């Protein structure tokens, strides 16, 4: 069966495992969870009081919305 995981969550109806990391553990905060998926050297680690990424990287909004549109396409319905 097809399984979804990663930054998109597990899409299995169980909200307790949505922050599952690549190592299989479950983080309790968004910052800690997203840090586990951060590409080394791509950007600095987020602190515990992370800002809204749309505010911090406003110039990236169009690219992010285009990438997320794929997840809302018929391929994932």
N, C-alpha and C. Protein backbone atom coordinates (compact mmCIF):
# COMPACT_ATOMS: atom_id res chain seq x y z
N UNK A 1 0.83 -1.19 0.00
CA UNK A 1 0.00 0.00 0.00
C UNK A 1 0.88 1.26 0.00
N UNK A 2 0.37 2.30 -0.56
CA UNK A 2 1.09 3.56 -0.65
C UNK A 2 1.08 4.25 0.70
N UNK A 3 2.24 4.70 1.15
CA UNK A 3 2.33 5.40 2.42
C UNK A 3 2.90 6.78 2.20
N UNK A 4 2.30 7.77 2.85
CA UNK A 4 2.77 9.15 2.77
C UNK A 4 3.48 9.45 4.07
N UNK A 5 4.62 10.13 3.96
CA UNK A 5 5.33 10.55 5.17
C UNK A 5 6.21 11.72 4.81
N UNK A 6 6.85 12.30 5.80
CA UNK A 6 7.70 13.45 5.57
C UNK A 6 7.01 14.72 6.03
N UNK A 7 7.37 15.83 5.41
CA UNK A 7 6.81 17.11 5.82
C UNK A 7 5.31 17.18 5.57
N UNK A 8 4.77 16.31 4.74
CA UNK A 8 3.33 16.29 4.47
C UNK A 8 2.57 15.55 5.56
N UNK A 9 3.24 14.90 6.46
CA UNK A 9 2.57 14.09 7.46
C UNK A 9 2.35 12.68 6.94
N UNK A 10 1.56 11.89 7.64
CA UNK A 10 1.34 10.51 7.26
C UNK A 10 0.03 10.28 6.53
N UNK A 11 -0.89 11.22 6.64
CA UNK A 11 -2.19 11.16 5.97
C UNK A 11 -2.91 9.84 6.27
N UNK A 12 -2.85 9.43 7.53
CA UNK A 12 -3.51 8.18 7.93
C UNK A 12 -4.64 8.42 8.92
N UNK A 13 -4.97 9.69 9.18
CA UNK A 13 -6.05 10.01 10.10
C UNK A 13 -5.62 10.06 11.55
N UNK A 14 -4.40 9.69 11.86
CA UNK A 14 -3.89 9.71 13.23
C UNK A 14 -2.99 10.93 13.41
N UNK A 15 -3.47 11.95 14.09
CA UNK A 15 -2.70 13.17 14.24
C UNK A 15 -1.53 13.01 15.21
N UNK A 16 -1.46 11.91 15.92
CA UNK A 16 -0.38 11.70 16.89
C UNK A 16 0.95 11.40 16.21
N UNK A 17 0.93 11.00 14.94
CA UNK A 17 2.19 10.66 14.28
C UNK A 17 2.52 11.59 13.11
N UNK A 18 1.89 12.75 13.05
CA UNK A 18 2.13 13.67 11.95
C UNK A 18 3.54 14.25 11.94
N UNK A 19 4.20 14.33 13.09
CA UNK A 19 5.54 14.89 13.16
C UNK A 19 6.59 13.79 13.21
N UNK A 20 6.36 12.68 12.49
CA UNK A 20 7.33 11.59 12.44
C UNK A 20 8.54 12.03 11.62
N UNK A 21 9.72 11.78 12.14
CA UNK A 21 10.97 12.20 11.50
C UNK A 21 11.51 11.07 10.62
N UNK A 22 12.53 11.35 9.81
CA UNK A 22 13.12 10.29 8.99
C UNK A 22 13.65 9.11 9.82
N UNK A 23 14.04 9.38 11.06
CA UNK A 23 14.55 8.33 11.94
C UNK A 23 13.43 7.51 12.58
N UNK A 24 12.18 7.98 12.42
CA UNK A 24 11.04 7.24 12.96
C UNK A 24 10.55 7.73 14.31
N UNK A 25 11.26 8.68 14.93
CA UNK A 25 10.77 9.22 16.19
C UNK A 25 9.73 10.31 15.87
N UNK A 26 9.00 10.75 16.88
CA UNK A 26 7.97 11.76 16.69
C UNK A 26 8.33 12.99 17.51
N UNK A 27 8.47 14.11 16.83
CA UNK A 27 8.80 15.37 17.52
C UNK A 27 7.51 16.02 18.04
N UNK A 28 7.66 16.86 19.05
CA UNK A 28 6.48 17.51 19.64
C UNK A 28 6.31 18.95 19.18
N UNK A 29 7.34 19.52 18.53
CA UNK A 29 7.22 20.91 18.09
C UNK A 29 7.50 21.01 16.59
N UNK A 30 6.91 22.01 15.97
CA UNK A 30 7.09 22.23 14.54
C UNK A 30 8.56 22.51 14.23
N UNK A 31 9.22 23.35 15.04
CA UNK A 31 10.61 23.69 14.79
C UNK A 31 11.51 22.46 14.81
N UNK A 32 11.35 21.63 15.82
CA UNK A 32 12.18 20.43 15.92
C UNK A 32 11.90 19.47 14.76
N UNK A 33 10.63 19.36 14.39
CA UNK A 33 10.25 18.47 13.29
C UNK A 33 10.84 18.92 11.96
N UNK A 34 10.65 20.20 11.63
CA UNK A 34 11.15 20.68 10.34
C UNK A 34 12.68 20.67 10.28
N UNK A 35 13.31 20.83 11.41
CA UNK A 35 14.77 20.80 11.45
C UNK A 35 15.31 19.43 11.03
N UNK A 36 14.57 18.37 11.32
CA UNK A 36 15.00 17.02 10.96
C UNK A 36 15.00 16.82 9.45
N UNK A 37 14.22 17.61 8.72
CA UNK A 37 14.15 17.49 7.27
C UNK A 37 14.96 18.55 6.54
N UNK A 38 15.63 19.41 7.29
CA UNK A 38 16.42 20.49 6.68
C UNK A 38 17.64 19.92 5.99
N UNK A 39 17.86 20.36 4.75
CA UNK A 39 19.04 19.91 4.00
C UNK A 39 20.27 20.56 4.61
N UNK A 40 21.33 19.79 4.87
CA UNK A 40 22.54 20.35 5.47
C UNK A 40 23.08 21.51 4.63
N UNK A 41 23.32 22.62 5.28
CA UNK A 41 23.89 23.78 4.62
C UNK A 41 22.90 24.61 3.82
N UNK A 42 21.66 24.16 3.70
CA UNK A 42 20.68 24.87 2.88
C UNK A 42 20.19 26.15 3.54
N UNK A 43 20.00 26.11 4.83
CA UNK A 43 19.53 27.27 5.57
C UNK A 43 19.82 27.04 7.05
N UNK A 44 19.85 28.10 7.83
CA UNK A 44 20.14 27.93 9.26
C UNK A 44 19.01 27.22 9.98
N UNK A 45 19.35 26.52 11.04
CA UNK A 45 18.34 25.86 11.87
C UNK A 45 17.41 26.90 12.46
N UNK A 46 16.16 26.54 12.59
CA UNK A 46 15.18 27.46 13.17
C UNK A 46 15.25 27.38 14.68
N UNK A 47 15.07 28.48 15.32
CA UNK A 47 15.08 28.51 16.77
C UNK A 47 13.73 28.08 17.33
N UNK A 48 13.61 28.02 18.64
CA UNK A 48 12.35 27.59 19.25
C UNK A 48 11.21 28.59 19.02
N UNK A 49 11.54 29.84 18.69
CA UNK A 49 10.51 30.84 18.45
C UNK A 49 10.56 31.23 16.98
N UNK A 50 10.31 30.27 16.13
CA UNK A 50 10.43 30.47 14.69
C UNK A 50 9.38 31.44 14.18
N UNK A 51 9.80 32.23 13.20
CA UNK A 51 8.87 33.15 12.57
C UNK A 51 8.11 32.43 11.47
N UNK A 52 7.06 33.04 11.02
CA UNK A 52 6.29 32.49 9.91
C UNK A 52 7.19 32.48 8.68
N UNK A 53 7.37 31.33 8.02
CA UNK A 53 8.27 31.28 6.87
C UNK A 53 7.83 32.21 5.73
N UNK A 54 6.54 32.47 5.62
CA UNK A 54 6.08 33.36 4.56
C UNK A 54 6.52 34.80 4.84
N UNK A 55 6.68 35.16 6.11
CA UNK A 55 7.16 36.49 6.46
C UNK A 55 8.69 36.56 6.29
N UNK A 56 9.37 35.51 6.69
CA UNK A 56 10.83 35.50 6.65
C UNK A 56 11.38 35.38 5.23
N UNK A 57 10.65 34.71 4.35
CA UNK A 57 11.11 34.48 2.98
C UNK A 57 10.03 34.87 1.98
N UNK A 58 9.59 36.10 2.08
CA UNK A 58 8.48 36.58 1.24
C UNK A 58 8.76 36.40 -0.25
N UNK A 59 10.00 36.51 -0.67
CA UNK A 59 10.35 36.35 -2.07
C UNK A 59 10.19 34.93 -2.58
N UNK A 60 10.05 33.98 -1.69
CA UNK A 60 9.91 32.57 -2.06
C UNK A 60 8.46 32.11 -2.12
N UNK A 61 7.51 33.01 -1.81
CA UNK A 61 6.10 32.62 -1.72
C UNK A 61 5.60 31.98 -3.01
N UNK A 62 5.87 32.58 -4.17
CA UNK A 62 5.37 32.04 -5.44
C UNK A 62 5.89 30.62 -5.69
N UNK A 63 7.17 30.41 -5.43
CA UNK A 63 7.75 29.09 -5.64
C UNK A 63 7.14 28.07 -4.68
N UNK A 64 6.92 28.47 -3.45
CA UNK A 64 6.33 27.57 -2.45
C UNK A 64 4.89 27.22 -2.81
N UNK A 65 4.13 28.22 -3.25
CA UNK A 65 2.74 27.95 -3.62
C UNK A 65 2.67 27.04 -4.84
N UNK A 66 3.59 27.20 -5.79
CA UNK A 66 3.61 26.34 -6.97
C UNK A 66 3.94 24.90 -6.57
N UNK A 67 4.90 24.74 -5.67
CA UNK A 67 5.28 23.40 -5.22
C UNK A 67 4.13 22.74 -4.43
N UNK A 68 3.46 23.51 -3.61
CA UNK A 68 2.36 22.96 -2.83
C UNK A 68 1.13 22.65 -3.69
N UNK A 69 0.99 23.36 -4.80
CA UNK A 69 -0.14 23.11 -5.70
C UNK A 69 -0.11 21.67 -6.20
N UNK A 70 1.08 21.11 -6.34
CA UNK A 70 1.20 19.72 -6.77
C UNK A 70 0.50 18.80 -5.78
N UNK A 71 0.63 19.10 -4.49
CA UNK A 71 0.01 18.25 -3.45
C UNK A 71 -1.50 18.35 -3.47
N UNK A 72 -2.03 19.42 -4.01
CA UNK A 72 -3.47 19.59 -4.09
C UNK A 72 -4.03 19.14 -5.44
N UNK A 73 -3.19 18.60 -6.29
CA UNK A 73 -3.61 18.17 -7.63
C UNK A 73 -4.34 16.82 -7.54
N UNK A 74 -4.91 16.44 -8.66
CA UNK A 74 -5.66 15.19 -8.71
C UNK A 74 -4.79 13.96 -8.43
N UNK A 75 -3.48 14.08 -8.64
CA UNK A 75 -2.58 12.94 -8.38
C UNK A 75 -2.60 12.51 -6.92
N UNK A 76 -2.92 13.42 -6.01
CA UNK A 76 -2.92 13.11 -4.58
C UNK A 76 -4.31 13.03 -3.98
N UNK A 77 -5.32 12.94 -4.82
CA UNK A 77 -6.69 12.83 -4.30
C UNK A 77 -7.09 11.39 -4.11
